[in-house]
């Protein structure tokens, strides 16, 4: 088991990269909406990602089991 500091040091860059990928995808979506003048007919996937970020950003999560929460969330959407 890694220490808290070692956990952050080990996984930070990978997690940061993944978050940047999500941000870039949402930016691409926004640009396409701006270009085409309309949103997607079904925005449930975009809303799903936004809800996932809400789950991740909850500092008072009762069991700190965010991975399970995300798996449950995504299984409800698919």
PDB file of N, CA and C in Angstrom:
ATOM      1  N   UNK A   1       0.847  -1.178   0.000  1.00  0.00           N
ATOM      2  CA  UNK A   1       0.000   0.000   0.000  1.00  0.00           C
ATOM      3  C   UNK A   1       0.894   1.242   0.000  1.00  0.00           C
ATOM      4  N   UNK A   2       0.616   2.154  -0.901  1.00  0.00           N
ATOM      5  CA  UNK A   2       1.399   3.385  -1.001  1.00  0.00           C
ATOM      6  C   UNK A   2       0.960   4.395   0.052  1.00  0.00           C
ATOM      7  N   UNK A   3       1.887   5.245   0.437  1.00  0.00           N
ATOM      8  CA  UNK A   3       1.542   6.340   1.348  1.00  0.00           C
ATOM      9  C   UNK A   3       0.686   7.346   0.590  1.00  0.00           C
ATOM     10  N   UNK A   4      -0.022   8.223   1.299  1.00  0.00           N
ATOM     11  CA  UNK A   4      -0.814   9.247   0.608  1.00  0.00           C
ATOM     12  C   UNK A   4       0.030  10.081  -0.356  1.00  0.00           C
ATOM     13  N   UNK A   5       1.222  10.505   0.070  1.00  0.00           N
ATOM     14  CA  UNK A   5       2.072  11.324  -0.798  1.00  0.00           C
ATOM     15  C   UNK A   5       2.545  10.545  -2.019  1.00  0.00           C
ATOM     16  N   UNK A   6       2.951   9.294  -1.806  1.00  0.00           N
ATOM     17  CA  UNK A   6       3.422   8.465  -2.902  1.00  0.00           C
ATOM     18  C   UNK A   6       2.285   8.177  -3.896  1.00  0.00           C
ATOM     19  N   UNK A   7       1.067   8.020  -3.394  1.00  0.00           N
ATOM     20  CA  UNK A   7      -0.092   7.817  -4.264  1.00  0.00           C
ATOM     21  C   UNK A   7      -0.280   9.020  -5.177  1.00  0.00           C
ATOM     22  N   UNK A   8      -0.234  10.226  -4.596  1.00  0.00           N
ATOM     23  CA  UNK A   8      -0.359  11.440  -5.412  1.00  0.00           C
ATOM     24  C   UNK A   8       0.778  11.568  -6.406  1.00  0.00           C
ATOM     25  N   UNK A   9       1.988  11.344  -5.931  1.00  0.00           N
ATOM     26  CA  UNK A   9       3.155  11.466  -6.806  1.00  0.00           C
ATOM     27  C   UNK A   9       3.116  10.456  -7.950  1.00  0.00           C
ATOM     28  N   UNK A  10       2.624   9.271  -7.688  1.00  0.00           N
ATOM     29  CA  UNK A  10       2.612   8.209  -8.686  1.00  0.00           C
ATOM     30  C   UNK A  10       1.533   8.413  -9.748  1.00  0.00           C
ATOM     31  N   UNK A  11       0.355   8.844  -9.348  1.00  0.00           N
ATOM     32  CA  UNK A  11      -0.783   8.859 -10.262  1.00  0.00           C
ATOM     33  C   UNK A  11      -1.238  10.234 -10.731  1.00  0.00           C
ATOM     34  N   UNK A  12      -0.655  11.285 -10.211  1.00  0.00           N
ATOM     35  CA  UNK A  12      -1.114  12.640 -10.532  1.00  0.00           C
ATOM     36  C   UNK A  12      -1.060  12.959 -12.026  1.00  0.00           C
ATOM     37  N   UNK A  13       0.075  12.739 -12.656  1.00  0.00           N
ATOM     38  CA  UNK A  13       0.218  13.119 -14.070  1.00  0.00           C
ATOM     39  C   UNK A  13      -0.746  12.350 -14.970  1.00  0.00           C
ATOM     40  N   UNK A  14      -0.940  11.088 -14.703  1.00  0.00           N
ATOM     41  CA  UNK A  14      -1.867  10.285 -15.489  1.00  0.00           C
ATOM     42  C   UNK A  14      -3.311  10.792 -15.311  1.00  0.00           C
ATOM     43  N   UNK A  15      -3.687  11.078 -14.084  1.00  0.00           N
ATOM     44  CA  UNK A  15      -5.040  11.583 -13.816  1.00  0.00           C
ATOM     45  C   UNK A  15      -5.235  12.961 -14.439  1.00  0.00           C
ATOM     46  N   UNK A  16      -4.218  13.800 -14.349  1.00  0.00           N
ATOM     47  CA  UNK A  16      -4.293  15.136 -14.951  1.00  0.00           C
ATOM     48  C   UNK A  16      -4.490  15.022 -16.456  1.00  0.00           C
ATOM     49  N   UNK A  17      -3.755  14.124 -17.097  1.00  0.00           N
ATOM     50  CA  UNK A  17      -3.897  13.907 -18.533  1.00  0.00           C
ATOM     51  C   UNK A  17      -5.321  13.484 -18.885  1.00  0.00           C
ATOM     52  N   UNK A  18      -5.875  12.571 -18.114  1.00  0.00           N
ATOM     53  CA  UNK A  18      -7.230  12.092 -18.395  1.00  0.00           C
ATOM     54  C   UNK A  18      -8.262  13.207 -18.246  1.00  0.00           C
ATOM     55  N   UNK A  19      -8.098  14.041 -17.233  1.00  0.00           N
ATOM     56  CA  UNK A  19      -9.016  15.172 -17.052  1.00  0.00           C
ATOM     57  C   UNK A  19      -8.891  16.173 -18.196  1.00  0.00           C
ATOM     58  N   UNK A  20      -7.670  16.391 -18.656  1.00  0.00           N
ATOM     59  CA  UNK A  20      -7.469  17.278 -19.804  1.00  0.00           C
ATOM     60  C   UNK A  20      -8.131  16.725 -21.058  1.00  0.00           C
ATOM     61  N   UNK A  21      -8.125  15.422 -21.225  1.00  0.00           N
ATOM     62  CA  UNK A  21      -8.802  14.793 -22.366  1.00  0.00           C
ATOM     63  C   UNK A  21     -10.300  15.059 -22.319  1.00  0.00           C
ATOM     64  N   UNK A  22     -10.891  14.935 -21.144  1.00  0.00           N
ATOM     65  CA  UNK A  22     -12.324  15.210 -21.000  1.00  0.00           C
ATOM     66  C   UNK A  22     -12.606  16.678 -21.291  1.00  0.00           C
ATOM     67  N   UNK A  23     -11.794  17.559 -20.755  1.00  0.00           N
ATOM     68  CA  UNK A  23     -11.976  18.994 -21.007  1.00  0.00           C
ATOM     69  C   UNK A  23     -11.859  19.310 -22.492  1.00  0.00           C
ATOM     70  N   UNK A  24     -10.895  18.701 -23.157  1.00  0.00           N
ATOM     71  CA  UNK A  24     -10.712  18.942 -24.596  1.00  0.00           C
ATOM     72  C   UNK A  24     -11.912  18.438 -25.390  1.00  0.00           C
ATOM     73  N   UNK A  25     -12.449  17.290 -25.013  1.00  0.00           N
ATOM     74  CA  UNK A  25     -13.619  16.761 -25.708  1.00  0.00           C
ATOM     75  C   UNK A  25     -14.814  17.696 -25.533  1.00  0.00           C
ATOM     76  N   UNK A  26     -15.015  18.200 -24.316  1.00  0.00           N
ATOM     77  CA  UNK A  26     -16.118  19.131 -24.078  1.00  0.00           C
ATOM     78  C   UNK A  26     -15.909  20.441 -24.839  1.00  0.00           C
ATOM     79  N   UNK A  27     -14.664  20.893 -24.944  1.00  0.00           N
ATOM     80  CA  UNK A  27     -14.371  22.092 -25.740  1.00  0.00           C
ATOM     81  C   UNK A  27     -14.663  21.853 -27.219  1.00  0.00           C
ATOM     82  N   UNK A  28     -14.291  20.674 -27.721  1.00  0.00           N
ATOM     83  CA  UNK A  28     -14.597  20.352 -29.119  1.00  0.00           C
ATOM     84  C   UNK A  28     -16.106  20.329 -29.354  1.00  0.00           C
ATOM     85  N   UNK A  29     -16.835  19.786 -28.416  1.00  0.00           N
ATOM     86  CA  UNK A  29     -18.291  19.770 -28.532  1.00  0.00           C
ATOM     87  C   UNK A  29     -18.832  21.200 -28.579  1.00  0.00           C
ATOM     88  N   UNK A  30     -18.380  22.040 -27.650  1.00  0.00           N
ATOM     89  CA  UNK A  30     -18.838  23.442 -27.612  1.00  0.00           C
ATOM     90  C   UNK A  30     -18.526  24.159 -28.917  1.00  0.00           C
ATOM     91  N   UNK A  31     -17.331  23.922 -29.466  1.00  0.00           N
ATOM     92  CA  UNK A  31     -16.966  24.555 -30.735  1.00  0.00           C
ATOM     93  C   UNK A  31     -17.859  24.071 -31.876  1.00  0.00           C
ATOM     94  N   UNK A  32     -18.198  22.799 -31.881  1.00  0.00           N
ATOM     95  CA  UNK A  32     -19.065  22.293 -32.946  1.00  0.00           C
ATOM     96  C   UNK A  32     -20.484  22.847 -32.806  1.00  0.00           C
ATOM     97  N   UNK A  33     -20.944  23.043 -31.575  1.00  0.00           N
ATOM     98  CA  UNK A  33     -22.257  23.669 -31.367  1.00  0.00           C
ATOM     99  C   UNK A  33     -22.224  25.102 -31.885  1.00  0.00           C
ATOM    100  N   UNK A  34     -21.157  25.801 -31.575  1.00  0.00           N
ATOM    101  CA  UNK A  34     -21.014  27.182 -32.043  1.00  0.00           C
ATOM    102  C   UNK A  34     -20.982  27.239 -33.572  1.00  0.00           C
ATOM    103  N   UNK A  35     -20.228  26.328 -34.176  1.00  0.00           N
ATOM    104  CA  UNK A  35     -20.093  26.286 -35.630  1.00  0.00           C
ATOM    105  C   UNK A  35     -21.409  25.922 -36.319  1.00  0.00           C
ATOM    106  N   UNK A  36     -22.091  24.886 -35.801  1.00  0.00           N
ATOM    107  CA  UNK A  36     -23.303  24.386 -36.453  1.00  0.00           C
ATOM    108  C   UNK A  36     -24.570  25.099 -35.994  1.00  0.00           C
ATOM    109  N   UNK A  37     -24.472  25.822 -34.877  1.00  0.00           N
ATOM    110  CA  UNK A  37     -25.627  26.568 -34.388  1.00  0.00           C
ATOM    111  C   UNK A  37     -26.689  25.726 -33.698  1.00  0.00           C
ATOM    112  N   UNK A  38     -26.353  24.489 -33.368  1.00  0.00           N
ATOM    113  CA  UNK A  38     -27.317  23.650 -32.654  1.00  0.00           C
ATOM    114  C   UNK A  38     -26.596  22.595 -31.838  1.00  0.00           C
ATOM    115  N   UNK A  39     -27.269  22.162 -30.776  1.00  0.00           N
ATOM    116  CA  UNK A  39     -26.716  21.119 -29.914  1.00  0.00           C
ATOM    117  C   UNK A  39     -27.038  19.752 -30.491  1.00  0.00           C
ATOM    118  N   UNK A  40     -26.421  18.736 -29.927  1.00  0.00           N
ATOM    119  CA  UNK A  40     -26.716  17.359 -30.323  1.00  0.00           C
ATOM    120  C   UNK A  40     -28.168  17.043 -29.988  1.00  0.00           C
ATOM    121  N   UNK A  41     -28.759  16.167 -30.759  1.00  0.00           N
ATOM    122  CA  UNK A  41     -30.140  15.780 -30.491  1.00  0.00           C
ATOM    123  C   UNK A  41     -30.263  15.079 -29.141  1.00  0.00           C
ATOM    124  N   UNK A  42     -29.269  14.305 -28.789  1.00  0.00           N
ATOM    125  CA  UNK A  42     -29.250  13.579 -27.521  1.00  0.00           C
ATOM    126  C   UNK A  42     -27.976  13.958 -26.778  1.00  0.00           C
ATOM    127  N   UNK A  43     -28.114  14.775 -25.754  1.00  0.00           N
ATOM    128  CA  UNK A  43     -26.952  15.236 -24.986  1.00  0.00           C
ATOM    129  C   UNK A  43     -26.708  14.401 -23.732  1.00  0.00           C
ATOM    130  N   UNK A  44     -27.301  13.237 -23.655  1.00  0.00           N
ATOM    131  CA  UNK A  44     -27.177  12.434 -22.438  1.00  0.00           C
ATOM    132  C   UNK A  44     -25.724  12.062 -22.126  1.00  0.00           C
ATOM    133  N   UNK A  45     -24.901  11.857 -23.147  1.00  0.00           N
ATOM    134  CA  UNK A  45     -23.494  11.524 -22.897  1.00  0.00           C
ATOM    135  C   UNK A  45     -22.749  12.717 -22.304  1.00  0.00           C
ATOM    136  N   UNK A  46     -23.037  13.909 -22.793  1.00  0.00           N
ATOM    137  CA  UNK A  46     -22.404  15.106 -22.230  1.00  0.00           C
ATOM    138  C   UNK A  46     -22.847  15.296 -20.784  1.00  0.00           C
ATOM    139  N   UNK A  47     -24.151  15.154 -20.542  1.00  0.00           N
ATOM    140  CA  UNK A  47     -24.660  15.288 -19.174  1.00  0.00           C
ATOM    141  C   UNK A  47     -24.073  14.211 -18.264  1.00  0.00           C
ATOM    142  N   UNK A  48     -23.858  13.020 -18.805  1.00  0.00           N
ATOM    143  CA  UNK A  48     -23.269  11.936 -18.029  1.00  0.00           C
ATOM    144  C   UNK A  48     -21.852  12.283 -17.583  1.00  0.00           C
ATOM    145  N   UNK A  49     -21.065  12.868 -18.487  1.00  0.00           N
ATOM    146  CA  UNK A  49     -19.705  13.273 -18.117  1.00  0.00           C
ATOM    147  C   UNK A  49     -19.721  14.383 -17.072  1.00  0.00           C
ATOM    148  N   UNK A  50     -20.639  15.327 -17.215  1.00  0.00           N
ATOM    149  CA  UNK A  50     -20.732  16.408 -16.241  1.00  0.00           C
ATOM    150  C   UNK A  50     -21.127  15.870 -14.862  1.00  0.00           C
ATOM    151  N   UNK A  51     -22.052  14.918 -14.832  1.00  0.00           N
ATOM    152  CA  UNK A  51     -22.446  14.296 -13.569  1.00  0.00           C
ATOM    153  C   UNK A  51     -21.276  13.521 -12.973  1.00  0.00           C
ATOM    154  N   UNK A  52     -20.499  12.849 -13.818  1.00  0.00           N
ATOM    155  CA  UNK A  52     -19.335  12.107 -13.331  1.00  0.00           C
ATOM    156  C   UNK A  52     -18.337  13.049 -12.659  1.00  0.00           C
ATOM    157  N   UNK A  53     -18.136  14.220 -13.251  1.00  0.00           N
ATOM    158  CA  UNK A  53     -17.214  15.185 -12.643  1.00  0.00           C
ATOM    159  C   UNK A  53     -17.768  15.696 -11.314  1.00  0.00           C
ATOM    160  N   UNK A  54     -19.076  15.803 -11.230  1.00  0.00           N
ATOM    161  CA  UNK A  54     -19.706  16.199  -9.965  1.00  0.00           C
ATOM    162  C   UNK A  54     -19.443  15.139  -8.891  1.00  0.00           C
ATOM    163  N   UNK A  55     -19.580  13.875  -9.261  1.00  0.00           N
ATOM    164  CA  UNK A  55     -19.297  12.787  -8.325  1.00  0.00           C
ATOM    165  C   UNK A  55     -17.840  12.858  -7.860  1.00  0.00           C
ATOM    166  N   UNK A  56     -16.926  13.073  -8.795  1.00  0.00           N
ATOM    167  CA  UNK A  56     -15.502  13.130  -8.448  1.00  0.00           C
ATOM    168  C   UNK A  56     -15.154  14.317  -7.567  1.00  0.00           C
ATOM    169  N   UNK A  57     -15.876  15.409  -7.740  1.00  0.00           N
ATOM    170  CA  UNK A  57     -15.508  16.626  -7.018  1.00  0.00           C
ATOM    171  C   UNK A  57     -16.127  16.722  -5.632  1.00  0.00           C
ATOM    172  N   UNK A  58     -16.904  15.738  -5.221  1.00  0.00           N
ATOM    173  CA  UNK A  58     -17.543  15.784  -3.907  1.00  0.00           C
ATOM    174  C   UNK A  58     -16.528  15.420  -2.821  1.00  0.00           C
ATOM    175  N   UNK A  59     -16.061  16.409  -2.050  1.00  0.00           N
ATOM    176  CA  UNK A  59     -15.037  16.132  -1.036  1.00  0.00           C
ATOM    177  C   UNK A  59     -15.591  15.377   0.170  1.00  0.00           C
ATOM    178  N   UNK A  60     -16.899  15.388   0.353  1.00  0.00           N
ATOM    179  CA  UNK A  60     -17.511  14.747   1.513  1.00  0.00           C
ATOM    180  C   UNK A  60     -18.201  13.443   1.140  1.00  0.00           C
ATOM    181  N   UNK A  61     -17.685  12.790   0.111  1.00  0.00           N
ATOM    182  CA  UNK A  61     -18.289  11.536  -0.329  1.00  0.00           C
ATOM    183  C   UNK A  61     -18.322  10.580   0.859  1.00  0.00           C
ATOM    184  N   UNK A  62     -19.476   9.972   1.145  1.00  0.00           N
ATOM    185  CA  UNK A  62     -19.613   9.170   2.368  1.00  0.00           C
ATOM    186  C   UNK A  62     -18.655   7.988   2.481  1.00  0.00           C
ATOM    187  N   UNK A  63     -18.401   7.284   1.391  1.00  0.00           N
ATOM    188  CA  UNK A  63     -17.528   6.122   1.514  1.00  0.00           C
ATOM    189  C   UNK A  63     -16.251   6.260   0.703  1.00  0.00           C
ATOM    190  N   UNK A  64     -16.063   7.394   0.049  1.00  0.00           N
ATOM    191  CA  UNK A  64     -14.879   7.657  -0.779  1.00  0.00           C
ATOM    192  C   UNK A  64     -14.684   6.565  -1.819  1.00  0.00           C
ATOM    193  N   UNK A  65     -15.769   5.956  -2.241  1.00  0.00           N
ATOM    194  CA  UNK A  65     -15.709   4.896  -3.234  1.00  0.00           C
ATOM    195  C   UNK A  65     -16.151   5.458  -4.584  1.00  0.00           C
ATOM    196  N   UNK A  66     -15.390   6.423  -5.056  1.00  0.00           N
ATOM    197  CA  UNK A  66     -15.766   7.139  -6.277  1.00  0.00           C
ATOM    198  C   UNK A  66     -15.754   6.251  -7.511  1.00  0.00           C
ATOM    199  N   UNK A  67     -14.824   5.317  -7.591  1.00  0.00           N
ATOM    200  CA  UNK A  67     -14.764   4.431  -8.754  1.00  0.00           C
ATOM    201  C   UNK A  67     -16.047   3.611  -8.866  1.00  0.00           C
ATOM    202  N   UNK A  68     -16.517   3.066  -7.763  1.00  0.00           N
ATOM    203  CA  UNK A  68     -17.766   2.309  -7.778  1.00  0.00           C
ATOM    204  C   UNK A  68     -18.943   3.210  -8.140  1.00  0.00           C
ATOM    205  N   UNK A  69     -18.959   4.416  -7.589  1.00  0.00           N
ATOM    206  CA  UNK A  69     -20.018   5.368  -7.915  1.00  0.00           C
ATOM    207  C   UNK A  69     -20.037   5.656  -9.417  1.00  0.00           C
ATOM    208  N   UNK A  70     -18.858   5.860 -10.017  1.00  0.00           N
ATOM    209  CA  UNK A  70     -18.798   6.124 -11.458  1.00  0.00           C
ATOM    210  C   UNK A  70     -19.241   4.914 -12.266  1.00  0.00           C
ATOM    211  N   UNK A  71     -18.814   3.731 -11.858  1.00  0.00           N
ATOM    212  CA  UNK A  71     -19.245   2.529 -12.576  1.00  0.00           C
ATOM    213  C   UNK A  71     -20.766   2.391 -12.536  1.00  0.00           C
ATOM    214  N   UNK A  72     -21.350   2.623 -11.373  1.00  0.00           N
ATOM    215  CA  UNK A  72     -22.810   2.568 -11.264  1.00  0.00           C
ATOM    216  C   UNK A  72     -23.462   3.634 -12.128  1.00  0.00           C
ATOM    217  N   UNK A  73     -22.929   4.828 -12.084  1.00  0.00           N
ATOM    218  CA  UNK A  73     -23.474   5.940 -12.880  1.00  0.00           C
ATOM    219  C   UNK A  73     -23.426   5.608 -14.369  1.00  0.00           C
ATOM    220  N   UNK A  74     -22.280   5.164 -14.856  1.00  0.00           N
ATOM    221  CA  UNK A  74     -22.148   4.882 -16.282  1.00  0.00           C
ATOM    222  C   UNK A  74     -22.983   3.673 -16.708  1.00  0.00           C
ATOM    223  N   UNK A  75     -23.182   2.720 -15.801  1.00  0.00           N
ATOM    224  CA  UNK A  75     -24.011   1.558 -16.169  1.00  0.00           C
ATOM    225  C   UNK A  75     -25.476   1.959 -16.308  1.00  0.00           C
ATOM    226  N   UNK A  76     -25.893   2.985 -15.598  1.00  0.00           N
ATOM    227  CA  UNK A  76     -27.274   3.476 -15.710  1.00  0.00           C
ATOM    228  C   UNK A  76     -27.494   4.228 -17.025  1.00  0.00           C
ATOM    229  N   UNK A  77     -26.449   4.836 -17.559  1.00  0.00           N
ATOM    230  CA  UNK A  77     -26.560   5.651 -18.753  1.00  0.00           C
ATOM    231  C   UNK A  77     -26.530   4.797 -20.012  1.00  0.00           C
ATOM    232  N   UNK A  78     -25.661   3.814 -20.044  1.00  0.00           N
ATOM    233  CA  UNK A  78     -25.438   3.025 -21.268  1.00  0.00           C
ATOM    234  C   UNK A  78     -26.617   2.245 -21.706  1.00  0.00           C
TER     235      UNK A  78
END
